[in-house]
Amino acid sequence: MLVASIVVSALLAFAVGGSGFNKLIKHETVMKAMDVVRVPRDRVWMLGVVEIAAALGLVAGIFWWPIGVAAAIGVIVYFVGAVVAHLRVSDTQGLGAPAVLLLAGVASLVLRLLSV
């Protein structure tokens, strides 16, 4: 289970970190998606910082499991919010990525808890 936990956490950290980076640099595709879910453009950077913090927590959690558990819970909460934001505006086309990352967060949490 430990190897699976490390692989899932590392891949999730890469995906969430990349998403956060794209928010920080205000990539136009990301900004358009934020406009759809009505996130003010001047606040998108905050979401990017949260995602990068989550990615760092997932990586640190490989070495000390309590941080990994906390980071995975944070990822789950974050992406539940993202899914709700897309559903709130009936954006079913933009629902895929947050839903997949939410499931990856759940997988990361479960695997990490099973490998303790």
Protein backbone atom coordinates (compact mmCIF):
# COMPACT_ATOMS: atom_id res chain seq x y z
CA MET A 1 0.00 0.00 0.00
CA LEU A 2 2.86 2.37 0.72
CA VAL A 3 4.10 2.33 -2.86
CA ALA A 4 0.60 2.98 -4.20
CA SER A 5 0.18 5.81 -1.69
CA ILE A 6 3.45 7.41 -2.78
CA VAL A 7 2.60 7.13 -6.48
CA VAL A 8 -0.93 8.53 -6.11
CA SER A 9 0.24 11.34 -3.80
CA ALA A 10 3.08 12.29 -6.14
CA LEU A 11 0.83 12.33 -9.22
CA LEU A 12 -1.83 14.31 -7.38
CA ALA A 13 0.81 16.77 -6.13
CA PHE A 14 2.02 17.23 -9.71
CA ALA A 15 -1.51 17.86 -11.01
CA VAL A 16 -2.56 20.17 -8.18
CA GLY A 17 0.76 22.03 -8.25
CA GLY A 18 0.45 22.56 -11.99
CA SER A 19 -3.09 23.81 -11.60
CA GLY A 20 -1.98 26.21 -8.88
CA PHE A 21 0.92 27.45 -10.99
CA ASN A 22 -1.41 28.13 -13.92
CA LYS A 23 -3.65 30.14 -11.61
CA LEU A 24 -0.69 32.17 -10.34
CA ILE A 25 0.49 33.03 -13.85
CA LYS A 26 -3.12 33.72 -14.86
CA HIS A 27 -3.09 31.34 -17.81
CA GLU A 28 -5.88 32.45 -20.12
CA THR A 29 -7.59 29.05 -20.25
CA VAL A 30 -7.71 28.94 -16.46
CA MET A 31 -8.97 32.51 -16.27
CA LYS A 32 -11.81 31.71 -18.68
CA ALA A 33 -12.81 28.76 -16.49
CA MET A 34 -12.70 30.99 -13.41
CA ASP A 35 -14.94 33.49 -15.20
CA VAL A 36 -17.46 30.72 -15.89
CA VAL A 37 -17.72 29.83 -12.19
CA ARG A 38 -17.72 33.54 -11.28
CA VAL A 39 -14.45 33.70 -9.34
CA PRO A 40 -13.22 37.32 -9.38
CA ARG A 41 -10.02 37.56 -11.40
CA ASP A 42 -8.24 39.44 -8.64
CA ARG A 43 -8.78 36.50 -6.26
CA VAL A 44 -7.69 33.61 -8.49
CA TRP A 45 -4.14 33.85 -7.11
CA MET A 46 -5.45 32.80 -3.69
CA LEU A 47 -6.73 29.54 -5.13
CA GLY A 48 -3.35 29.02 -6.77
CA VAL A 49 -1.55 29.48 -3.47
CA VAL A 50 -3.87 26.98 -1.79
CA GLU A 51 -3.24 24.42 -4.52
CA ILE A 52 0.53 24.84 -4.36
CA ALA A 53 0.40 24.49 -0.57
CA ALA A 54 -1.61 21.29 -1.02
CA ALA A 55 0.96 19.95 -3.49
CA LEU A 56 3.79 20.68 -1.07
CA GLY A 57 1.82 19.03 1.73
CA LEU A 58 1.24 15.91 -0.35
CA VAL A 59 4.95 15.64 -1.08
CA ALA A 60 5.89 16.26 2.56
CA GLY A 61 3.30 13.66 3.52
CA ILE A 62 5.32 11.01 1.75
CA PHE A 63 7.91 11.44 4.48
CA TRP A 64 5.65 12.21 7.44
CA TRP A 65 2.19 10.71 7.12
CA PRO A 66 0.17 13.21 9.25
CA ILE A 67 1.00 16.02 6.82
CA GLY A 68 -0.04 13.82 3.90
CA VAL A 69 -3.37 13.06 5.57
CA ALA A 70 -3.99 16.75 6.26
CA ALA A 71 -3.04 17.71 2.70
CA ALA A 72 -5.29 15.03 1.21
CA ILE A 73 -8.20 16.24 3.35
CA GLY A 74 -7.47 19.78 2.17
CA VAL A 75 -7.46 18.64 -1.46
CA ILE A 76 -10.79 16.89 -0.94
CA VAL A 77 -12.38 19.98 0.63
CA TYR A 78 -10.95 22.24 -2.09
CA PHE A 79 -12.26 20.09 -4.93
CA VAL A 80 -15.66 19.54 -3.32
CA GLY A 81 -15.86 23.35 -3.44
CA ALA A 82 -14.77 23.34 -7.07
CA VAL A 83 -17.39 20.74 -8.02
CA VAL A 84 -20.07 22.73 -6.19
CA ALA A 85 -18.95 25.92 -7.95
CA HIS A 86 -19.35 24.26 -11.34
CA LEU A 87 -22.72 22.74 -10.43
CA ARG A 88 -23.93 26.09 -9.08
CA VAL A 89 -23.60 27.65 -12.53
CA SER A 90 -24.68 24.47 -14.38
CA ASP A 91 -21.23 24.08 -15.95
CA THR A 92 -21.21 20.35 -16.62
CA GLN A 93 -18.49 20.71 -19.27
CA GLY A 94 -16.00 22.06 -16.71
CA LEU A 95 -16.89 19.45 -14.11
CA GLY A 96 -14.51 16.71 -15.28
CA ALA A 97 -11.16 17.95 -14.01
CA PRO A 98 -12.30 18.91 -10.51
CA ALA A 99 -14.23 15.65 -10.17
CA VAL A 100 -11.21 13.57 -11.17
CA LEU A 101 -8.94 15.49 -8.80
CA LEU A 102 -11.51 15.07 -6.03
CA LEU A 103 -11.47 11.30 -6.56
CA ALA A 104 -7.67 11.32 -6.66
CA GLY A 105 -7.69 13.19 -3.34
CA VAL A 106 -9.96 10.55 -1.82
CA ALA A 107 -7.69 7.80 -3.19
CA SER A 108 -4.63 9.54 -1.76
CA LEU A 109 -6.26 9.84 1.66
CA VAL A 110 -7.45 6.24 1.76
CA LEU A 111 -4.13 4.83 0.57
CA ARG A 112 -2.20 6.97 3.02
CA LEU A 113 -4.35 5.85 5.94
CA LEU A 114 -4.04 2.20 4.90
CA SER A 115 -0.26 2.44 4.75
CA VAL A 116 0.22 3.84 8.26
